[in-house]
């Protein structure tokens, strides 16, 4: 599960955080393996900007599910600060913390400058920062000038995230697991994971490629209800595409038919790997994705306005995924 911790229209940030805890506990009860939070800034509809704080909050409210960042946007932070934050989390919740890293700032240029002041990241800074973070989380070496405390020796698992080919190649070169952001940028999905698998070099942490893909999913008892609930996601996507980001809105009857063909096409492109429908539709959709990508994990995104119907969607998706996996052998 990837949670953007959406702030709903008519709701508050505190309510969004409470919904995230309830959702994480529900995902854990369903057997989900991970619950990740995404770093975004200066966006009124997303409450996960202080990602490390929220990772700790969710981990403290659950028992066994792995909790991580999907991801920390490394251009916004000095590697030492990230190592200390996630090293602390690893000491508090041993064996349960993941550190997913992104190369984009996850915000606009002005906010990025506010986060790092006058520090301007270049493309070649990201590989160097990832390597530095690896060193800081590894056991401290004799004579090491700077030691992350906490952090050193925790060896928090690092994941590289991406929506282009750059991080796919870097993850392959460094022998790290790779998560592709196909929940919002599906165009290069097959090319990126193909390149990652082709170029992968075994490392001390991973012997063979490991791929996670983001999948928007909304399940309901019928295809018609699922499509209705998905209109909240469609409204959010349209807001992103038109530069009018806002709060998560309630569903609207016949939302897509009321749009122009270009708007409908843009939303369809954005959600090209999305799975929306009743049990059979979700089962066949997940099975088709599994066959097409051979992904090791699906990272689900489910923006349902009503929190209880969101939990129901996750339950039905878990059941459909189990059925699809059984059918796939």
C-alpha atoms as a PDB file:
ATOM      1  CA  UNK A   1       0.000   0.000   0.000  1.00  0.00           C
ATOM      2  CA  UNK A   2       1.208   3.489  -0.903  1.00  0.00           C
ATOM      3  CA  UNK A   3      -0.626   6.214   0.998  1.00  0.00           C
ATOM      4  CA  UNK A   4      -0.575   9.859  -0.058  1.00  0.00           C
ATOM      5  CA  UNK A   5      -2.571  10.656   3.112  1.00  0.00           C
ATOM      6  CA  UNK A   6      -5.169  12.620   1.188  1.00  0.00           C
ATOM      7  CA  UNK A   7      -6.956  15.479   2.931  1.00  0.00           C
ATOM      8  CA  UNK A   8     -10.602  15.191   2.013  1.00  0.00           C
ATOM      9  CA  UNK A   9     -12.942  18.022   1.078  1.00  0.00           C
ATOM     10  CA  UNK A  10     -14.707  19.014   4.289  1.00  0.00           C
ATOM     11  CA  UNK A  11     -12.079  17.202   6.346  1.00  0.00           C
ATOM     12  CA  UNK A  12      -8.918  18.155   8.236  1.00  0.00           C
ATOM     13  CA  UNK A  13      -5.280  17.112   8.290  1.00  0.00           C
ATOM     14  CA  UNK A  14      -5.832  15.462  11.680  1.00  0.00           C
ATOM     15  CA  UNK A  15      -8.633  13.374  10.189  1.00  0.00           C
ATOM     16  CA  UNK A  16      -6.428  12.426   7.222  1.00  0.00           C
ATOM     17  CA  UNK A  17      -3.719  11.207   9.602  1.00  0.00           C
ATOM     18  CA  UNK A  18      -6.265   9.200  11.594  1.00  0.00           C
ATOM     19  CA  UNK A  19      -7.571   7.613   8.378  1.00  0.00           C
ATOM     20  CA  UNK A  20      -3.980   6.646   7.475  1.00  0.00           C
ATOM     21  CA  UNK A  21      -3.575   4.812  10.794  1.00  0.00           C
ATOM     22  CA  UNK A  22      -6.887   2.984  10.366  1.00  0.00           C
ATOM     23  CA  UNK A  23      -5.967   2.062   6.809  1.00  0.00           C
ATOM     24  CA  UNK A  24      -2.525   0.782   7.817  1.00  0.00           C
ATOM     25  CA  UNK A  25      -4.013  -1.399  10.539  1.00  0.00           C
ATOM     26  CA  UNK A  26      -6.546  -2.769   8.073  1.00  0.00           C
ATOM     27  CA  UNK A  27      -3.849  -3.456   5.465  1.00  0.00           C
ATOM     28  CA  UNK A  28      -1.829  -5.285   8.114  1.00  0.00           C
ATOM     29  CA  UNK A  29      -4.834  -7.428   9.028  1.00  0.00           C
ATOM     30  CA  UNK A  30      -5.221  -8.344   5.342  1.00  0.00           C
ATOM     31  CA  UNK A  31      -1.617  -9.535   5.104  1.00  0.00           C
ATOM     32  CA  UNK A  32      -0.173  -6.599   3.174  1.00  0.00           C
ATOM     33  CA  UNK A  33       3.615  -6.685   3.277  1.00  0.00           C
ATOM     34  CA  UNK A  34       4.393  -2.945   3.284  1.00  0.00           C
ATOM     35  CA  UNK A  35       2.782   0.406   3.990  1.00  0.00           C
ATOM     36  CA  UNK A  36       4.652   3.304   2.417  1.00  0.00           C
ATOM     37  CA  UNK A  37       4.162   7.051   2.701  1.00  0.00           C
ATOM     38  CA  UNK A  38       5.042   9.549  -0.031  1.00  0.00           C
ATOM     39  CA  UNK A  39       6.860  12.858   0.441  1.00  0.00           C
ATOM     40  CA  UNK A  40       5.178  15.858  -1.181  1.00  0.00           C
ATOM     41  CA  UNK A  41       5.336  19.535  -0.240  1.00  0.00           C
ATOM     42  CA  UNK A  42       3.202  22.649  -0.685  1.00  0.00           C
ATOM     43  CA  UNK A  43       0.187  20.587  -1.771  1.00  0.00           C
ATOM     44  CA  UNK A  44      -3.005  21.270   0.195  1.00  0.00           C
ATOM     45  CA  UNK A  45      -4.494  17.839  -0.430  1.00  0.00           C
ATOM     46  CA  UNK A  46      -1.546  15.735   0.804  1.00  0.00           C
ATOM     47  CA  UNK A  47      -0.587  15.442   4.495  1.00  0.00           C
ATOM     48  CA  UNK A  48       2.556  13.270   4.267  1.00  0.00           C
ATOM     49  CA  UNK A  49       5.224  15.968   3.881  1.00  0.00           C
ATOM     50  CA  UNK A  50       6.993  15.078   7.161  1.00  0.00           C
ATOM     51  CA  UNK A  51       7.480  11.545   5.891  1.00  0.00           C
ATOM     52  CA  UNK A  52       9.843  10.175   8.544  1.00  0.00           C
ATOM     53  CA  UNK A  53       7.563  11.431  11.326  1.00  0.00           C
ATOM     54  CA  UNK A  54       4.577   9.738   9.716  1.00  0.00           C
ATOM     55  CA  UNK A  55       6.505   6.493   9.122  1.00  0.00           C
ATOM     56  CA  UNK A  56       7.183   6.368  12.858  1.00  0.00           C
ATOM     57  CA  UNK A  57       3.563   7.140  13.699  1.00  0.00           C
ATOM     58  CA  UNK A  58       2.243   4.363  11.447  1.00  0.00           C
ATOM     59  CA  UNK A  59       4.864   1.874  12.642  1.00  0.00           C
ATOM     60  CA  UNK A  60       3.948   2.640  16.237  1.00  0.00           C
ATOM     61  CA  UNK A  61       0.265   2.044  15.527  1.00  0.00           C
ATOM     62  CA  UNK A  62       0.838  -1.353  13.862  1.00  0.00           C
ATOM     63  CA  UNK A  63       2.519  -4.607  14.871  1.00  0.00           C
ATOM     64  CA  UNK A  64       4.292  -6.350  12.014  1.00  0.00           C
ATOM     65  CA  UNK A  65       3.774  -4.665   8.637  1.00  0.00           C
ATOM     66  CA  UNK A  66       6.875  -3.034   7.151  1.00  0.00           C
ATOM     67  CA  UNK A  67       6.541   0.759   7.017  1.00  0.00           C
ATOM     68  CA  UNK A  68       8.595   2.986   4.772  1.00  0.00           C
ATOM     69  CA  UNK A  69       8.963   5.939   2.489  1.00  0.00           C
ATOM     70  CA  UNK A  70       7.716   5.830  -1.053  1.00  0.00           C
ATOM     71  CA  UNK A  71       9.721   7.845  -1.007  1.00  0.00           C
ATOM     72  CA  UNK A  72      11.985  10.355   0.634  1.00  0.00           C
ATOM     73  CA  UNK A  73      12.920  12.862  -2.059  1.00  0.00           C
ATOM     74  CA  UNK A  74      16.665  12.951  -1.596  1.00  0.00           C
ATOM     75  CA  UNK A  75      17.293  16.344  -3.268  1.00  0.00           C
ATOM     76  CA  UNK A  76      15.399  17.912  -0.350  1.00  0.00           C
ATOM     77  CA  UNK A  77      17.592  16.438   2.393  1.00  0.00           C
ATOM     78  CA  UNK A  78      21.207  15.982   3.393  1.00  0.00           C
ATOM     79  CA  UNK A  79      22.006  12.227   3.475  1.00  0.00           C
ATOM     80  CA  UNK A  80      23.168  12.473   7.099  1.00  0.00           C
ATOM     81  CA  UNK A  81      19.774  13.843   8.194  1.00  0.00           C
ATOM     82  CA  UNK A  82      17.981  11.004   6.391  1.00  0.00           C
ATOM     83  CA  UNK A  83      20.350   8.403   7.873  1.00  0.00           C
ATOM     84  CA  UNK A  84      19.780   9.671  11.404  1.00  0.00           C
ATOM     85  CA  UNK A  85      15.988   9.836  10.988  1.00  0.00           C
ATOM     86  CA  UNK A  86      15.607   6.375   9.489  1.00  0.00           C
ATOM     87  CA  UNK A  87      18.326   4.953  11.707  1.00  0.00           C
ATOM     88  CA  UNK A  88      16.263   6.107  14.683  1.00  0.00           C
ATOM     89  CA  UNK A  89      13.156   4.496  13.179  1.00  0.00           C
ATOM     90  CA  UNK A  90      15.080   1.247  12.617  1.00  0.00           C
ATOM     91  CA  UNK A  91      16.135   1.170  16.255  1.00  0.00           C
ATOM     92  CA  UNK A  92      12.566   1.828  17.399  1.00  0.00           C
ATOM     93  CA  UNK A  93      11.004  -0.731  15.015  1.00  0.00           C
ATOM     94  CA  UNK A  94      13.701  -3.315  14.177  1.00  0.00           C
ATOM     95  CA  UNK A  95      13.254  -5.161  10.893  1.00  0.00           C
ATOM     96  CA  UNK A  96      10.207  -3.130   9.865  1.00  0.00           C
ATOM     97  CA  UNK A  97      11.526   0.044   8.190  1.00  0.00           C
ATOM     98  CA  UNK A  98      12.122   0.607   4.455  1.00  0.00           C
ATOM     99  CA  UNK A  99      13.780   3.645   2.902  1.00  0.00           C
ATOM    100  CA  UNK A 100      12.597   4.348  -0.622  1.00  0.00           C
ATOM    101  CA  UNK A 101      14.473   7.177  -2.340  1.00  0.00           C
ATOM    102  CA  UNK A 102      13.362   9.453  -5.153  1.00  0.00           C
ATOM    103  CA  UNK A 103      15.410  11.734  -7.393  1.00  0.00           C
ATOM    104  CA  UNK A 104      12.737  14.400  -7.945  1.00  0.00           C
ATOM    105  CA  UNK A 105      12.016  17.083  -5.332  1.00  0.00           C
ATOM    106  CA  UNK A 106       8.316  16.182  -5.159  1.00  0.00           C
ATOM    107  CA  UNK A 107       7.345  19.835  -5.254  1.00  0.00           C
ATOM    108  CA  UNK A 108       7.792  23.126  -7.106  1.00  0.00           C
ATOM    109  CA  UNK A 109      11.079  24.991  -7.484  1.00  0.00           C
ATOM    110  CA  UNK A 110      10.318  27.666  -4.895  1.00  0.00           C
ATOM    111  CA  UNK A 111       9.418  25.085  -2.260  1.00  0.00           C
ATOM    112  CA  UNK A 112      12.525  23.051  -3.070  1.00  0.00           C
ATOM    113  CA  UNK A 113      14.653  26.164  -2.474  1.00  0.00           C
ATOM    114  CA  UNK A 114      12.828  26.723   0.820  1.00  0.00           C
ATOM    115  CA  UNK A 115      13.642  23.151   1.856  1.00  0.00           C
ATOM    116  CA  UNK A 116      17.339  23.273   1.023  1.00  0.00           C
ATOM    117  CA  UNK A 117      17.882  27.055   0.877  1.00  0.00           C
ATOM    118  CA  UNK A 118      20.425  27.799  -1.824  1.00  0.00           C
ATOM    119  CA  UNK A 119      21.546  24.191  -2.283  1.00  0.00           C
ATOM    120  CA  UNK A 120      20.851  23.283  -5.923  1.00  0.00           C
ATOM    121  CA  UNK A 121      20.911  19.574  -6.794  1.00  0.00           C
ATOM    122  CA  UNK A 122      22.348  18.359 -10.071  1.00  0.00           C
ATOM    123  CA  UNK A 123      21.503  15.061 -11.762  1.00  0.00           C
ATOM    124  CA  UNK A 124      24.817  13.486 -10.798  1.00  0.00           C
ATOM    125  CA  UNK A 125      24.275  14.348  -7.101  1.00  0.00           C
ATOM    126  CA  UNK A 126      21.658  11.624  -6.654  1.00  0.00           C
ATOM    127  CA  UNK A 127      23.935   8.573  -7.187  1.00  0.00           C
ATOM    128  CA  UNK A 128      26.543  10.160  -4.918  1.00  0.00           C
ATOM    129  CA  UNK A 129      23.938  10.911  -2.220  1.00  0.00           C
ATOM    130  CA  UNK A 130      22.560   7.352  -2.375  1.00  0.00           C
ATOM    131  CA  UNK A 131      26.071   5.936  -1.977  1.00  0.00           C
ATOM    132  CA  UNK A 132      26.721   8.265   0.954  1.00  0.00           C
ATOM    133  CA  UNK A 133      23.490   7.158   2.588  1.00  0.00           C
ATOM    134  CA  UNK A 134      24.508   3.525   2.144  1.00  0.00           C
ATOM    135  CA  UNK A 135      27.818   4.221   3.899  1.00  0.00           C
ATOM    136  CA  UNK A 136      26.127   6.062   6.754  1.00  0.00           C
ATOM    137  CA  UNK A 137      23.707   3.178   7.388  1.00  0.00           C
ATOM    138  CA  UNK A 138      26.439   0.526   7.154  1.00  0.00           C
ATOM    139  CA  UNK A 139      28.563  -0.468  10.175  1.00  0.00           C
ATOM    140  CA  UNK A 140      30.934   2.360  11.079  1.00  0.00           C
ATOM    141  CA  UNK A 141      34.510   1.874   9.915  1.00  0.00           C
ATOM    142  CA  UNK A 142      37.685   2.710  11.875  1.00  0.00           C
ATOM    143  CA  UNK A 143      38.632   6.324  11.299  1.00  0.00           C
ATOM    144  CA  UNK A 144      35.290   7.231   9.761  1.00  0.00           C
ATOM    145  CA  UNK A 145      35.002  11.018  10.023  1.00  0.00           C
ATOM    146  CA  UNK A 146      31.202  11.239  10.278  1.00  0.00           C
ATOM    147  CA  UNK A 147      29.027   8.587  11.883  1.00  0.00           C
ATOM    148  CA  UNK A 148      25.238   8.614  11.835  1.00  0.00           C
ATOM    149  CA  UNK A 149      24.068   8.117  15.415  1.00  0.00           C
ATOM    150  CA  UNK A 150      21.534   6.531  15.327  1.00  0.00           C
ATOM    151  CA  UNK A 151      21.938   5.035  11.872  1.00  0.00           C
ATOM    152  CA  UNK A 152      25.321   3.360  11.609  1.00  0.00           C
ATOM    153  CA  UNK A 153      24.938  -0.407  11.450  1.00  0.00           C
ATOM    154  CA  UNK A 154      21.159  -0.389  11.027  1.00  0.00           C
ATOM    155  CA  UNK A 155      21.492  -1.134   7.309  1.00  0.00           C
ATOM    156  CA  UNK A 156      17.961   0.065   6.610  1.00  0.00           C
ATOM    157  CA  UNK A 157      16.966  -1.445   3.231  1.00  0.00           C
ATOM    158  CA  UNK A 158      17.275   1.105   0.442  1.00  0.00           C
ATOM    159  CA  UNK A 159      14.927   1.122  -2.545  1.00  0.00           C
ATOM    160  CA  UNK A 160      15.258   3.302  -5.603  1.00  0.00           C
ATOM    161  CA  UNK A 161      12.060   4.775  -6.983  1.00  0.00           C
ATOM    162  CA  UNK A 162      11.495   6.218 -10.410  1.00  0.00           C
ATOM    163  CA  UNK A 163       9.181   7.203 -13.214  1.00  0.00           C
ATOM    164  CA  UNK A 164      11.904   7.356 -15.881  1.00  0.00           C
ATOM    165  CA  UNK A 165      14.886   5.260 -16.933  1.00  0.00           C
ATOM    166  CA  UNK A 166      17.545   6.960 -14.784  1.00  0.00           C
ATOM    167  CA  UNK A 167      16.767   5.293 -11.450  1.00  0.00           C
ATOM    168  CA  UNK A 168      16.135   1.959 -13.179  1.00  0.00           C
ATOM    169  CA  UNK A 169      19.714   1.969 -14.423  1.00  0.00           C
ATOM    170  CA  UNK A 170      21.108   3.194 -11.104  1.00  0.00           C
ATOM    171  CA  UNK A 171      19.196   0.537  -9.140  1.00  0.00           C
ATOM    172  CA  UNK A 172      20.543  -2.115 -11.505  1.00  0.00           C
ATOM    173  CA  UNK A 173      24.114  -0.809 -11.207  1.00  0.00           C
ATOM    174  CA  UNK A 174      23.936  -0.664  -7.380  1.00  0.00           C
ATOM    175  CA  UNK A 175      22.086  -3.991  -7.031  1.00  0.00           C
ATOM    176  CA  UNK A 176      19.132  -2.430  -5.211  1.00  0.00           C
ATOM    177  CA  UNK A 177      15.400  -3.204  -5.394  1.00  0.00           C
ATOM    178  CA  UNK A 178      13.450  -0.938  -7.732  1.00  0.00           C
ATOM    179  CA  UNK A 179       9.945   0.511  -7.510  1.00  0.00           C
ATOM    180  CA  UNK A 180       8.399   2.096 -10.604  1.00  0.00           C
ATOM    181  CA  UNK A 181       5.829   4.854 -10.181  1.00  0.00           C
ATOM    182  CA  UNK A 182       3.369   3.449 -12.686  1.00  0.00           C
ATOM    183  CA  UNK A 183       0.478   4.651 -10.528  1.00  0.00           C
ATOM    184  CA  UNK A 184       0.983   8.105 -12.050  1.00  0.00           C
ATOM    185  CA  UNK A 185       3.560   7.733 -14.846  1.00  0.00           C
ATOM    186  CA  UNK A 186       2.958   4.402 -16.597  1.00  0.00           C
ATOM    187  CA  UNK A 187       4.358   5.313 -20.032  1.00  0.00           C
ATOM    188  CA  UNK A 188       7.888   3.949 -19.450  1.00  0.00           C
ATOM    189  CA  UNK A 189       6.904   1.070 -17.159  1.00  0.00           C
ATOM    190  CA  UNK A 190       7.892  -1.848 -19.392  1.00  0.00           C
ATOM    191  CA  UNK A 191      11.020  -0.160 -20.730  1.00  0.00           C
ATOM    192  CA  UNK A 192      12.226   0.769 -17.231  1.00  0.00           C
ATOM    193  CA  UNK A 193      11.740  -2.627 -15.606  1.00  0.00           C
ATOM    194  CA  UNK A 194      13.164  -4.352 -18.686  1.00  0.00           C
ATOM    195  CA  UNK A 195      16.280  -2.181 -18.508  1.00  0.00           C
ATOM    196  CA  UNK A 196      16.593  -2.770 -14.777  1.00  0.00           C
ATOM    197  CA  UNK A 197      16.451  -6.540 -15.183  1.00  0.00           C
ATOM    198  CA  UNK A 198      18.837  -6.526 -18.130  1.00  0.00           C
ATOM    199  CA  UNK A 199      21.512  -4.407 -16.424  1.00  0.00           C
ATOM    200  CA  UNK A 200      21.129  -5.749 -12.876  1.00  0.00           C
ATOM    201  CA  UNK A 201      24.341  -6.567 -11.020  1.00  0.00           C
ATOM    202  CA  UNK A 202      24.080  -8.716  -7.855  1.00  0.00           C
ATOM    203  CA  UNK A 203      25.107  -6.964  -4.655  1.00  0.00           C
ATOM    204  CA  UNK A 204      25.569  -7.752  -0.985  1.00  0.00           C
ATOM    205  CA  UNK A 205      21.905  -6.889  -0.368  1.00  0.00           C
ATOM    206  CA  UNK A 206      20.220  -8.385  -3.439  1.00  0.00           C
ATOM    207  CA  UNK A 207      21.175 -11.323  -5.646  1.00  0.00           C
ATOM    208  CA  UNK A 208      18.557 -10.894  -8.372  1.00  0.00           C
ATOM    209  CA  UNK A 209      16.275  -8.095  -9.609  1.00  0.00           C
ATOM    210  CA  UNK A 210      13.299  -7.185  -7.441  1.00  0.00           C
ATOM    211  CA  UNK A 211      10.522  -5.061  -8.954  1.00  0.00           C
ATOM    212  CA  UNK A 212       7.600  -3.261  -7.374  1.00  0.00           C
ATOM    213  CA  UNK A 213       5.065  -1.397  -9.511  1.00  0.00           C
ATOM    214  CA  UNK A 214       2.510   1.175  -8.405  1.00  0.00           C
ATOM    215  CA  UNK A 215      -1.090   0.230  -9.227  1.00  0.00           C
ATOM    216  CA  UNK A 216      -4.154   2.434  -8.692  1.00  0.00           C
ATOM    217  CA  UNK A 217      -6.971   0.130  -7.577  1.00  0.00           C
ATOM    218  CA  UNK A 218     -10.600   0.725  -6.661  1.00  0.00           C
ATOM    219  CA  UNK A 219     -12.777  -2.306  -6.007  1.00  0.00           C
ATOM    220  CA  UNK A 220     -16.491  -2.457  -5.233  1.00  0.00           C
ATOM    221  CA  UNK A 221     -19.252  -5.075  -5.418  1.00  0.00           C
ATOM    222  CA  UNK A 222     -20.139  -3.939  -8.948  1.00  0.00           C
ATOM    223  CA  UNK A 223     -18.277  -2.372 -11.859  1.00  0.00           C
ATOM    224  CA  UNK A 224     -20.732   0.530 -11.783  1.00  0.00           C
ATOM    225  CA  UNK A 225     -20.126   1.380  -8.134  1.00  0.00           C
ATOM    226  CA  UNK A 226     -16.363   1.094  -8.555  1.00  0.00           C
ATOM    227  CA  UNK A 227     -16.493   3.507 -11.495  1.00  0.00           C
ATOM    228  CA  UNK A 228     -18.552   5.930  -9.401  1.00  0.00           C
ATOM    229  CA  UNK A 229     -16.067   5.762  -6.496  1.00  0.00           C
ATOM    230  CA  UNK A 230     -13.173   6.191  -8.940  1.00  0.00           C
ATOM    231  CA  UNK A 231     -14.510   9.604  -9.943  1.00  0.00           C
ATOM    232  CA  UNK A 232     -12.739  11.010  -6.853  1.00  0.00           C
ATOM    233  CA  UNK A 233      -9.462   9.771  -8.353  1.00  0.00           C
ATOM    234  CA  UNK A 234     -10.411  11.099 -11.785  1.00  0.00           C
ATOM    235  CA  UNK A 235     -11.038  14.539 -10.286  1.00  0.00           C
ATOM    236  CA  UNK A 236      -7.680  14.440  -8.498  1.00  0.00           C
ATOM    237  CA  UNK A 237      -5.848  13.420 -11.681  1.00  0.00           C
ATOM    238  CA  UNK A 238      -7.562  16.142 -13.709  1.00  0.00           C
ATOM    239  CA  UNK A 239      -6.477  18.658 -11.084  1.00  0.00           C
ATOM    240  CA  UNK A 240      -2.866  17.471 -11.364  1.00  0.00           C
ATOM    241  CA  UNK A 241      -2.944  17.658 -15.155  1.00  0.00           C
ATOM    242  CA  UNK A 242      -4.433  21.167 -15.171  1.00  0.00           C
ATOM    243  CA  UNK A 243      -2.301  22.561 -12.340  1.00  0.00           C
ATOM    244  CA  UNK A 244      -5.287  22.839  -9.997  1.00  0.00           C
ATOM    245  CA  UNK A 245      -4.350  20.525  -7.164  1.00  0.00           C
ATOM    246  CA  UNK A 246      -6.708  20.469  -4.230  1.00  0.00           C
ATOM    247  CA  UNK A 247      -8.434  18.337  -1.639  1.00  0.00           C
ATOM    248  CA  UNK A 248      -9.775  14.867  -2.421  1.00  0.00           C
ATOM    249  CA  UNK A 249     -13.330  15.374  -3.607  1.00  0.00           C
ATOM    250  CA  UNK A 250     -16.409  13.200  -3.141  1.00  0.00           C
ATOM    251  CA  UNK A 251     -17.477  11.002  -6.068  1.00  0.00           C
ATOM    252  CA  UNK A 252     -19.650  12.377  -8.858  1.00  0.00           C
ATOM    253  CA  UNK A 253     -22.115  10.464 -10.990  1.00  0.00           C
ATOM    254  CA  UNK A 254     -21.139  10.168 -14.671  1.00  0.00           C
ATOM    255  CA  UNK A 255     -17.987  12.259 -14.206  1.00  0.00           C
ATOM    256  CA  UNK A 256     -15.978  10.934 -17.155  1.00  0.00           C
ATOM    257  CA  UNK A 257     -18.825  11.141 -19.700  1.00  0.00           C
ATOM    258  CA  UNK A 258     -19.152  14.825 -18.848  1.00  0.00           C
ATOM    259  CA  UNK A 259     -15.570  15.572 -19.904  1.00  0.00           C
ATOM    260  CA  UNK A 260     -14.192  16.316 -23.338  1.00  0.00           C
ATOM    261  CA  UNK A 261     -12.351  13.606 -25.296  1.00  0.00           C
ATOM    262  CA  UNK A 262      -8.912  15.153 -24.621  1.00  0.00           C
ATOM    263  CA  UNK A 263      -9.515  15.256 -20.866  1.00  0.00           C
ATOM    264  CA  UNK A 264     -10.758  11.661 -20.840  1.00  0.00           C
ATOM    265  CA  UNK A 265      -7.725  10.547 -22.846  1.00  0.00           C
ATOM    266  CA  UNK A 266      -5.319  12.355 -20.508  1.00  0.00           C
ATOM    267  CA  UNK A 267      -6.862  10.719 -17.434  1.00  0.00           C
ATOM    268  CA  UNK A 268      -6.764   7.324 -19.141  1.00  0.00           C
ATOM    269  CA  UNK A 269      -3.061   7.771 -19.958  1.00  0.00           C
ATOM    270  CA  UNK A 270      -2.299   8.785 -16.366  1.00  0.00           C
ATOM    271  CA  UNK A 271      -4.131   5.736 -14.990  1.00  0.00           C
ATOM    272  CA  UNK A 272      -3.163   3.297 -17.742  1.00  0.00           C
ATOM    273  CA  UNK A 273      -2.301   0.495 -15.294  1.00  0.00           C
ATOM    274  CA  UNK A 274      -5.220   1.279 -12.998  1.00  0.00           C
ATOM    275  CA  UNK A 275      -7.683  -1.451 -12.064  1.00  0.00           C
ATOM    276  CA  UNK A 276     -11.245  -0.346 -11.358  1.00  0.00           C
ATOM    277  CA  UNK A 277     -14.265  -2.621 -11.061  1.00  0.00           C
ATOM    278  CA  UNK A 278     -16.080  -5.431  -9.328  1.00  0.00           C
ATOM    279  CA  UNK A 279     -14.394  -8.634  -8.105  1.00  0.00           C
ATOM    280  CA  UNK A 280     -14.068 -10.261 -11.534  1.00  0.00           C
ATOM    281  CA  UNK A 281     -12.747  -7.095 -13.172  1.00  0.00           C
ATOM    282  CA  UNK A 282     -10.175  -6.541 -10.429  1.00  0.00           C
ATOM    283  CA  UNK A 283      -9.090 -10.183 -10.464  1.00  0.00           C
ATOM    284  CA  UNK A 284      -8.557 -10.220 -14.229  1.00  0.00           C
ATOM    285  CA  UNK A 285      -6.883  -6.807 -14.164  1.00  0.00           C
ATOM    286  CA  UNK A 286      -4.344  -7.831 -11.541  1.00  0.00           C
ATOM    287  CA  UNK A 287      -3.714 -11.132 -13.288  1.00  0.00           C
ATOM    288  CA  UNK A 288      -3.053  -9.332 -16.586  1.00  0.00           C
ATOM    289  CA  UNK A 289      -0.627  -6.942 -14.861  1.00  0.00           C
ATOM    290  CA  UNK A 290       1.192  -9.829 -13.197  1.00  0.00           C
ATOM    291  CA  UNK A 291       1.590 -11.625 -16.521  1.00  0.00           C
ATOM    292  CA  UNK A 292       2.669  -8.472 -18.390  1.00  0.00           C
ATOM    293  CA  UNK A 293       5.231  -7.216 -15.861  1.00  0.00           C
ATOM    294  CA  UNK A 294       6.258 -10.238 -13.743  1.00  0.00           C
ATOM    295  CA  UNK A 295       6.386  -7.759 -10.853  1.00  0.00           C
ATOM    296  CA  UNK A 296       7.456  -9.141  -7.481  1.00  0.00           C
ATOM    297  CA  UNK A 297       5.028  -6.841  -5.666  1.00  0.00           C
ATOM    298  CA  UNK A 298       2.137  -4.522  -6.414  1.00  0.00           C
ATOM    299  CA  UNK A 299       2.126  -1.232  -4.499  1.00  0.00           C
ATOM    300  CA  UNK A 300      -1.541  -0.268  -4.360  1.00  0.00           C
ATOM    301  CA  UNK A 301      -2.860   3.294  -4.367  1.00  0.00           C
ATOM    302  CA  UNK A 302      -6.526   3.617  -3.490  1.00  0.00           C
ATOM    303  CA  UNK A 303      -8.059   7.091  -3.309  1.00  0.00           C
ATOM    304  CA  UNK A 304     -11.630   6.376  -2.224  1.00  0.00           C
ATOM    305  CA  UNK A 305     -13.328   9.359  -0.592  1.00  0.00           C
ATOM    306  CA  UNK A 306     -15.300   7.431   2.023  1.00  0.00           C
ATOM    307  CA  UNK A 307     -12.756   5.866   4.451  1.00  0.00           C
ATOM    308  CA  UNK A 308     -14.947   2.822   5.139  1.00  0.00           C
ATOM    309  CA  UNK A 309     -15.432   2.138   1.433  1.00  0.00           C
ATOM    310  CA  UNK A 310     -11.666   2.496   1.011  1.00  0.00           C
ATOM    311  CA  UNK A 311     -11.153  -0.283   3.562  1.00  0.00           C
ATOM    312  CA  UNK A 312     -13.749  -2.381   1.752  1.00  0.00           C
ATOM    313  CA  UNK A 313     -11.907  -1.755  -1.531  1.00  0.00           C
ATOM    314  CA  UNK A 314      -8.657  -3.000  -0.008  1.00  0.00           C
ATOM    315  CA  UNK A 315     -10.355  -6.117   1.362  1.00  0.00           C
ATOM    316  CA  UNK A 316     -11.864  -6.941  -2.019  1.00  0.00           C
ATOM    317  CA  UNK A 317      -8.561  -6.224  -3.781  1.00  0.00           C
ATOM    318  CA  UNK A 318      -6.675  -8.548  -1.419  1.00  0.00           C
ATOM    319  CA  UNK A 319      -9.205 -11.297  -2.135  1.00  0.00           C
ATOM    320  CA  UNK A 320      -9.004 -10.689  -5.884  1.00  0.00           C
ATOM    321  CA  UNK A 321      -5.218 -10.669  -5.814  1.00  0.00           C
ATOM    322  CA  UNK A 322      -5.132 -13.984  -3.954  1.00  0.00           C
ATOM    323  CA  UNK A 323      -7.498 -15.477  -6.524  1.00  0.00           C
ATOM    324  CA  UNK A 324      -5.445 -14.102  -9.403  1.00  0.00           C
ATOM    325  CA  UNK A 325      -2.228 -15.473  -7.905  1.00  0.00           C
ATOM    326  CA  UNK A 326      -3.854 -18.900  -7.520  1.00  0.00           C
ATOM    327  CA  UNK A 327      -4.982 -18.840 -11.157  1.00  0.00           C
ATOM    328  CA  UNK A 328      -1.458 -17.858 -12.240  1.00  0.00           C
ATOM    329  CA  UNK A 329      -0.075 -20.874 -10.436  1.00  0.00           C
END
